[in-house]
Amino acid sequence: MLGLLAQQNQKFLNLKPTLGGFLERYYSMREGLGDVDESWMAFKADTAEMGATVPERIEDLVSLYSQDISRSYGFLKAGSMVAFDYVSLKGIRKSYIATVVSAYGGNGVIGNINTKHDLLTCFLIDSGTNLDILAPVMNVIHEENKDKKDSQYSTLNANSPNRIDINIQKKDLRKKAGISKEGLQALFPSSDFRTFILNTNMIRIYRINLDG
């Protein structure tokens, strides 16, 4: 899946180590917590049978846990992790990894009345992101989302243009993930909060499977 995107855009190759590193930490951590993700266990077994290591199969790991999705409100909700190929208003094509957040009254995607654009609201993830902090945070967010049936529930919330907040209650998120206030702030700094135009500038988008 993401292999196709990499062929179309060589810059995406630079994101694979970050995304693969996150997935390895995320599923290894869940395994340590006693969560049985069958696809992860099968991947590890296949890797051992090949006489390889998980880091040596990063591309296969990324492909395993990536799903090509449509650019819609239904798929892109707060708490999801996505990778996408995007052309900016200046015509520059780049690829990104991001955690979707709710902002400006939306739950991951908002409509701009003036421009008629649908905007994805998110925090960027890159090579500078602390993956050891990101893994437990995303696990807590994912488990919280699984327990909520109300589609309006917002795990991650950006409350205003000038201040980015994490919802679930922030203290509960930090406690459950076992991280400090400073660690959470470093993970989702306001400087990395971005909006991206979905309906015209998003070339291809993938949701990262956190379900195993």
C-alpha atoms as a PDB file:
ATOM      1  CA  MET A   1       0.000   0.000   0.000  1.00  0.00           C
ATOM      2  CA  LEU A   2       2.493   2.581   1.149  1.00  0.00           C
ATOM      3  CA  GLY A   3       4.999   0.963  -1.189  1.00  0.00           C
ATOM      4  CA  LEU A   4       2.928   2.343  -4.065  1.00  0.00           C
ATOM      5  CA  LEU A   5       3.030   5.800  -2.536  1.00  0.00           C
ATOM      6  CA  ALA A   6       6.777   5.563  -2.119  1.00  0.00           C
ATOM      7  CA  GLN A   7       7.132   4.744  -5.808  1.00  0.00           C
ATOM      8  CA  GLN A   8       5.070   7.808  -6.698  1.00  0.00           C
ATOM      9  CA  ASN A   9       6.875  10.113  -4.303  1.00  0.00           C
ATOM     10  CA  GLN A  10      10.469   9.394  -3.332  1.00  0.00           C
ATOM     11  CA  LYS A  11      10.241  11.828  -0.427  1.00  0.00           C
ATOM     12  CA  PHE A  12       7.920   9.417   1.340  1.00  0.00           C
ATOM     13  CA  LEU A  13      10.845   7.046   1.793  1.00  0.00           C
ATOM     14  CA  ASN A  14      12.180   9.415   4.446  1.00  0.00           C
ATOM     15  CA  LEU A  15       9.048   8.883   6.539  1.00  0.00           C
ATOM     16  CA  LYS A  16       9.224   5.098   6.650  1.00  0.00           C
ATOM     17  CA  PRO A  17      11.850   4.854   9.422  1.00  0.00           C
ATOM     18  CA  THR A  18       9.748   7.115  11.657  1.00  0.00           C
ATOM     19  CA  LEU A  19       6.475   5.341  10.953  1.00  0.00           C
ATOM     20  CA  GLY A  20       8.057   1.899  11.140  1.00  0.00           C
ATOM     21  CA  GLY A  21       9.847   2.811  14.368  1.00  0.00           C
ATOM     22  CA  PHE A  22       6.573   3.937  15.900  1.00  0.00           C
ATOM     23  CA  LEU A  23       4.741   0.760  14.857  1.00  0.00           C
ATOM     24  CA  GLU A  24       7.453  -1.457  16.298  1.00  0.00           C
ATOM     25  CA  ARG A  25       7.376   0.398  19.620  1.00  0.00           C
ATOM     26  CA  TYR A  26       3.567   0.546  19.688  1.00  0.00           C
ATOM     27  CA  TYR A  27       2.939  -3.136  19.091  1.00  0.00           C
ATOM     28  CA  SER A  28       5.877  -4.272  21.232  1.00  0.00           C
ATOM     29  CA  MET A  29       4.514  -2.161  24.087  1.00  0.00           C
ATOM     30  CA  ARG A  30       1.023  -3.622  23.673  1.00  0.00           C
ATOM     31  CA  GLU A  31       2.476  -7.105  23.689  1.00  0.00           C
ATOM     32  CA  GLY A  32       4.265  -6.270  26.944  1.00  0.00           C
ATOM     33  CA  LEU A  33       0.949  -5.110  28.422  1.00  0.00           C
ATOM     34  CA  GLY A  34      -0.629  -8.462  27.578  1.00  0.00           C
ATOM     35  CA  ASP A  35      -2.639  -7.318  24.558  1.00  0.00           C
ATOM     36  CA  VAL A  36      -2.645  -9.992  21.867  1.00  0.00           C
ATOM     37  CA  ASP A  37      -2.564  -8.463  18.399  1.00  0.00           C
ATOM     38  CA  GLU A  38      -2.682 -11.462  16.082  1.00  0.00           C
ATOM     39  CA  SER A  39      -1.247  -9.669  13.057  1.00  0.00           C
ATOM     40  CA  TRP A  40       1.750  -8.466  15.099  1.00  0.00           C
ATOM     41  CA  MET A  41       2.409 -11.939  16.509  1.00  0.00           C
ATOM     42  CA  ALA A  42       2.181 -13.423  13.006  1.00  0.00           C
ATOM     43  CA  PHE A  43       4.530 -10.755  11.653  1.00  0.00           C
ATOM     44  CA  LYS A  44       7.080 -11.483  14.386  1.00  0.00           C
ATOM     45  CA  ALA A  45       6.833 -15.232  13.769  1.00  0.00           C
ATOM     46  CA  ASP A  46       7.325 -14.778  10.017  1.00  0.00           C
ATOM     47  CA  THR A  47      10.260 -12.468  10.653  1.00  0.00           C
ATOM     48  CA  ALA A  48      11.958 -14.990  12.951  1.00  0.00           C
ATOM     49  CA  GLU A  49      11.354 -17.755  10.428  1.00  0.00           C
ATOM     50  CA  MET A  50      13.098 -15.651   7.800  1.00  0.00           C
ATOM     51  CA  GLY A  51      16.065 -15.194  10.119  1.00  0.00           C
ATOM     52  CA  ALA A  52      15.497 -11.431  10.066  1.00  0.00           C
ATOM     53  CA  THR A  53      14.679  -8.717  12.599  1.00  0.00           C
ATOM     54  CA  VAL A  54      11.704  -6.359  12.714  1.00  0.00           C
ATOM     55  CA  PRO A  55      13.854  -3.271  11.904  1.00  0.00           C
ATOM     56  CA  GLU A  56      15.094  -5.106   8.802  1.00  0.00           C
ATOM     57  CA  ARG A  57      11.469  -5.440   7.647  1.00  0.00           C
ATOM     58  CA  ILE A  58      10.327  -1.865   8.284  1.00  0.00           C
ATOM     59  CA  GLU A  59       8.824  -1.512   4.811  1.00  0.00           C
ATOM     60  CA  ASP A  60       6.765  -4.693   5.285  1.00  0.00           C
ATOM     61  CA  LEU A  61       5.676  -3.502   8.735  1.00  0.00           C
ATOM     62  CA  VAL A  62       4.513  -0.142   7.378  1.00  0.00           C
ATOM     63  CA  SER A  63       2.627  -1.831   4.537  1.00  0.00           C
ATOM     64  CA  LEU A  64       0.960  -4.275   6.941  1.00  0.00           C
ATOM     65  CA  TYR A  65      -0.516  -1.555   9.124  1.00  0.00           C
ATOM     66  CA  SER A  66      -1.478   1.018   6.479  1.00  0.00           C
ATOM     67  CA  GLN A  67      -4.878   1.278   4.824  1.00  0.00           C
ATOM     68  CA  ASP A  68      -5.742   3.452   1.843  1.00  0.00           C
ATOM     69  CA  ILE A  69      -8.844   5.461   2.825  1.00  0.00           C
ATOM     70  CA  SER A  70     -11.143   8.068   1.351  1.00  0.00           C
ATOM     71  CA  ARG A  71     -10.850  11.743   2.259  1.00  0.00           C
ATOM     72  CA  SER A  72     -13.973  11.950   4.397  1.00  0.00           C
ATOM     73  CA  TYR A  73     -15.337  12.975   7.779  1.00  0.00           C
ATOM     74  CA  GLY A  74     -16.225   9.348   8.518  1.00  0.00           C
ATOM     75  CA  PHE A  75     -12.674   8.016   8.278  1.00  0.00           C
ATOM     76  CA  LEU A  76     -10.696  10.965   9.620  1.00  0.00           C
ATOM     77  CA  LYS A  77     -11.630  11.378  13.265  1.00  0.00           C
ATOM     78  CA  ALA A  78      -9.742  12.705  16.264  1.00  0.00           C
ATOM     79  CA  GLY A  79      -7.276  10.148  17.582  1.00  0.00           C
ATOM     80  CA  SER A  80      -6.545   8.548  14.189  1.00  0.00           C
ATOM     81  CA  MET A  81      -3.013   8.385  12.834  1.00  0.00           C
ATOM     82  CA  VAL A  82      -2.541   9.023   9.125  1.00  0.00           C
ATOM     83  CA  ALA A  83       0.142   9.330   6.442  1.00  0.00           C
ATOM     84  CA  PHE A  84      -0.533  11.344   3.314  1.00  0.00           C
ATOM     85  CA  ASP A  85       0.889  12.857   0.154  1.00  0.00           C
ATOM     86  CA  TYR A  86       0.045  16.537  -0.229  1.00  0.00           C
ATOM     87  CA  VAL A  87       0.544  19.435  -2.633  1.00  0.00           C
ATOM     88  CA  SER A  88       0.733  22.848  -0.938  1.00  0.00           C
ATOM     89  CA  LEU A  89      -0.846  26.020  -2.305  1.00  0.00           C
ATOM     90  CA  LYS A  90       2.641  26.882  -3.622  1.00  0.00           C
ATOM     91  CA  GLY A  91       2.703  23.653  -5.620  1.00  0.00           C
ATOM     92  CA  ILE A  92       5.226  21.880  -3.376  1.00  0.00           C
ATOM     93  CA  ARG A  93       4.582  18.159  -2.995  1.00  0.00           C
ATOM     94  CA  LYS A  94       5.509  16.530   0.324  1.00  0.00           C
ATOM     95  CA  SER A  95       4.497  13.586   2.500  1.00  0.00           C
ATOM     96  CA  TYR A  96       3.496  13.751   6.151  1.00  0.00           C
ATOM     97  CA  ILE A  97       2.624  11.624   9.163  1.00  0.00           C
ATOM     98  CA  ALA A  98       0.114  13.101  11.586  1.00  0.00           C
ATOM     99  CA  THR A  99      -2.203  12.481  14.520  1.00  0.00           C
ATOM    100  CA  VAL A 100      -5.697  13.779  13.770  1.00  0.00           C
ATOM    101  CA  VAL A 101      -7.202  16.143  16.363  1.00  0.00           C
ATOM    102  CA  SER A 102     -10.506  17.931  16.796  1.00  0.00           C
ATOM    103  CA  ALA A 103     -10.433  21.681  16.309  1.00  0.00           C
ATOM    104  CA  TYR A 104     -12.744  24.640  15.707  1.00  0.00           C
ATOM    105  CA  GLY A 105     -15.849  22.582  16.475  1.00  0.00           C
ATOM    106  CA  GLY A 106     -14.933  19.669  14.223  1.00  0.00           C
ATOM    107  CA  ASN A 107     -13.878  16.126  15.064  1.00  0.00           C
ATOM    108  CA  GLY A 108     -10.908  15.810  12.751  1.00  0.00           C
ATOM    109  CA  VAL A 109     -12.256  17.502   9.631  1.00  0.00           C
ATOM    110  CA  ILE A 110     -13.885  20.932   9.400  1.00  0.00           C
ATOM    111  CA  GLY A 111     -15.516  22.780   6.540  1.00  0.00           C
ATOM    112  CA  ASN A 112     -14.364  26.314   5.736  1.00  0.00           C
ATOM    113  CA  ILE A 113     -17.446  28.324   4.756  1.00  0.00           C
ATOM    114  CA  ASN A 114     -15.481  30.981   2.886  1.00  0.00           C
ATOM    115  CA  THR A 115     -13.214  28.756   0.777  1.00  0.00           C
ATOM    116  CA  LYS A 116     -15.570  25.735   0.599  1.00  0.00           C
ATOM    117  CA  HIS A 117     -12.603  23.557   1.527  1.00  0.00           C
ATOM    118  CA  ASP A 118     -12.621  20.612   3.921  1.00  0.00           C
ATOM    119  CA  LEU A 119      -9.655  20.897   6.300  1.00  0.00           C
ATOM    120  CA  LEU A 120      -7.884  18.076   8.133  1.00  0.00           C
ATOM    121  CA  THR A 121      -6.752  19.262  11.599  1.00  0.00           C
ATOM    122  CA  CYS A 122      -3.732  17.479  13.052  1.00  0.00           C
ATOM    123  CA  PHE A 123      -0.378  17.415  14.840  1.00  0.00           C
ATOM    124  CA  LEU A 124       2.602  16.459  12.704  1.00  0.00           C
ATOM    125  CA  ILE A 125       4.886  13.531  13.535  1.00  0.00           C
ATOM    126  CA  ASP A 126       8.437  13.549  12.185  1.00  0.00           C
ATOM    127  CA  SER A 127      11.971  12.348  12.842  1.00  0.00           C
ATOM    128  CA  GLY A 128      12.171  14.638  15.880  1.00  0.00           C
ATOM    129  CA  THR A 129       9.132  13.086  17.584  1.00  0.00           C
ATOM    130  CA  ASN A 130       9.878  11.006  20.685  1.00  0.00           C
ATOM    131  CA  LEU A 131       8.435   7.648  19.607  1.00  0.00           C
ATOM    132  CA  ASP A 132       8.863   6.164  23.082  1.00  0.00           C
ATOM    133  CA  ILE A 133       6.375   8.753  24.354  1.00  0.00           C
ATOM    134  CA  LEU A 134       4.134   8.644  21.287  1.00  0.00           C
ATOM    135  CA  ALA A 135       3.553   4.865  21.524  1.00  0.00           C
ATOM    136  CA  PRO A 136       1.936   4.783  25.005  1.00  0.00           C
ATOM    137  CA  VAL A 137      -0.007   8.004  24.335  1.00  0.00           C
ATOM    138  CA  MET A 138      -1.498   6.626  21.121  1.00  0.00           C
ATOM    139  CA  ASN A 139      -2.321   3.362  22.888  1.00  0.00           C
ATOM    140  CA  VAL A 140      -4.309   5.217  25.563  1.00  0.00           C
ATOM    141  CA  ILE A 141      -6.049   7.363  22.941  1.00  0.00           C
ATOM    142  CA  HIS A 142      -6.866   4.314  20.829  1.00  0.00           C
ATOM    143  CA  GLU A 143      -8.282   2.365  23.772  1.00  0.00           C
ATOM    144  CA  GLU A 144     -10.364   5.372  24.826  1.00  0.00           C
ATOM    145  CA  ASN A 145     -11.747   5.706  21.312  1.00  0.00           C
ATOM    146  CA  LYS A 146     -12.645   2.012  21.199  1.00  0.00           C
ATOM    147  CA  ASP A 147     -14.685   2.459  24.370  1.00  0.00           C
ATOM    148  CA  LYS A 148     -16.617   5.420  22.996  1.00  0.00           C
ATOM    149  CA  LYS A 149     -19.534   4.819  20.644  1.00  0.00           C
ATOM    150  CA  ASP A 150     -20.435   8.497  20.229  1.00  0.00           C
ATOM    151  CA  SER A 151     -18.903   9.708  16.961  1.00  0.00           C
ATOM    152  CA  GLN A 152     -18.670  13.227  18.369  1.00  0.00           C
ATOM    153  CA  TYR A 153     -16.230  12.166  21.084  1.00  0.00           C
ATOM    154  CA  SER A 154     -12.942  14.005  20.678  1.00  0.00           C
ATOM    155  CA  THR A 155      -9.876  12.327  22.123  1.00  0.00           C
ATOM    156  CA  LEU A 156      -7.557  15.067  20.978  1.00  0.00           C
ATOM    157  CA  ASN A 157      -8.775  18.610  20.988  1.00  0.00           C
ATOM    158  CA  ALA A 158      -7.356  21.882  19.691  1.00  0.00           C
ATOM    159  CA  ASN A 159      -9.634  24.402  21.364  1.00  0.00           C
ATOM    160  CA  SER A 160      -8.548  27.675  19.794  1.00  0.00           C
ATOM    161  CA  PRO A 161      -6.203  29.042  17.131  1.00  0.00           C
ATOM    162  CA  ASN A 162      -3.867  30.314  19.845  1.00  0.00           C
ATOM    163  CA  ARG A 163      -3.874  27.406  22.263  1.00  0.00           C
ATOM    164  CA  ILE A 164      -3.666  23.686  21.592  1.00  0.00           C
ATOM    165  CA  ASP A 165      -5.038  21.412  24.311  1.00  0.00           C
ATOM    166  CA  ILE A 166      -5.190  17.671  24.741  1.00  0.00           C
ATOM    167  CA  ASN A 167      -8.540  16.399  25.917  1.00  0.00           C
ATOM    168  CA  ILE A 168      -9.540  13.118  27.616  1.00  0.00           C
ATOM    169  CA  GLN A 169      -8.587  14.990  30.536  1.00  0.00           C
ATOM    170  CA  LYS A 170      -4.922  15.751  30.110  1.00  0.00           C
ATOM    171  CA  LYS A 171      -4.090  14.485  33.602  1.00  0.00           C
ATOM    172  CA  ASP A 172      -5.835  11.175  32.882  1.00  0.00           C
ATOM    173  CA  LEU A 173      -3.978  10.820  29.587  1.00  0.00           C
ATOM    174  CA  ARG A 174      -0.614  11.494  31.216  1.00  0.00           C
ATOM    175  CA  LYS A 175      -1.360   9.120  34.096  1.00  0.00           C
ATOM    176  CA  LYS A 176      -2.550   6.270  31.895  1.00  0.00           C
ATOM    177  CA  ALA A 177       0.337   6.735  29.453  1.00  0.00           C
ATOM    178  CA  GLY A 178       2.873   7.173  32.255  1.00  0.00           C
ATOM    179  CA  ILE A 179       4.363  10.400  30.925  1.00  0.00           C
ATOM    180  CA  SER A 180       5.004  13.860  32.356  1.00  0.00           C
ATOM    181  CA  LYS A 181       3.253  17.123  31.572  1.00  0.00           C
ATOM    182  CA  GLU A 182       6.413  18.300  29.829  1.00  0.00           C
ATOM    183  CA  GLY A 183       6.566  15.088  27.806  1.00  0.00           C
ATOM    184  CA  LEU A 184       3.010  15.545  26.557  1.00  0.00           C
ATOM    185  CA  GLN A 185       3.635  19.188  25.683  1.00  0.00           C
ATOM    186  CA  ALA A 186       6.766  18.225  23.756  1.00  0.00           C
ATOM    187  CA  LEU A 187       4.854  15.526  21.892  1.00  0.00           C
ATOM    188  CA  PHE A 188       2.073  17.832  20.716  1.00  0.00           C
ATOM    189  CA  PRO A 189       3.493  21.385  20.632  1.00  0.00           C
ATOM    190  CA  SER A 190       1.303  24.134  19.240  1.00  0.00           C
ATOM    191  CA  SER A 191       3.959  24.861  16.621  1.00  0.00           C
ATOM    192  CA  ASP A 192       3.247  21.457  15.033  1.00  0.00           C
ATOM    193  CA  PHE A 193      -0.525  21.962  14.797  1.00  0.00           C
ATOM    194  CA  ARG A 194      -1.503  22.145  11.121  1.00  0.00           C
ATOM    195  CA  THR A 195      -4.512  22.149   8.808  1.00  0.00           C
ATOM    196  CA  PHE A 196      -4.459  20.563   5.348  1.00  0.00           C
ATOM    197  CA  ILE A 197      -6.958  20.956   2.495  1.00  0.00           C
ATOM    198  CA  LEU A 198      -8.580  17.586   1.834  1.00  0.00           C
ATOM    199  CA  ASN A 199     -10.807  18.030  -1.175  1.00  0.00           C
ATOM    200  CA  THR A 200      -8.298  19.561  -3.601  1.00  0.00           C
ATOM    201  CA  ASN A 201      -4.720  19.216  -2.333  1.00  0.00           C
ATOM    202  CA  MET A 202      -4.617  15.777  -0.702  1.00  0.00           C
ATOM    203  CA  ILE A 203      -3.338  13.300  -3.290  1.00  0.00           C
ATOM    204  CA  ARG A 204      -3.516  10.108  -1.286  1.00  0.00           C
ATOM    205  CA  ILE A 205      -4.119   9.339   2.370  1.00  0.00           C
ATOM    206  CA  TYR A 206      -3.557   6.268   4.523  1.00  0.00           C
ATOM    207  CA  ARG A 207      -4.845   5.451   7.994  1.00  0.00           C
ATOM    208  CA  ILE A 208      -2.400   3.663  10.287  1.00  0.00           C
ATOM    209  CA  ASN A 209      -4.011   0.598  11.837  1.00  0.00           C
ATOM    210  CA  LEU A 210      -3.707   0.619  15.631  1.00  0.00           C
ATOM    211  CA  ASP A 211      -6.110  -2.337  16.046  1.00  0.00           C
ATOM    212  CA  GLY A 212      -3.660  -5.138  15.314  1.00  0.00           C
END
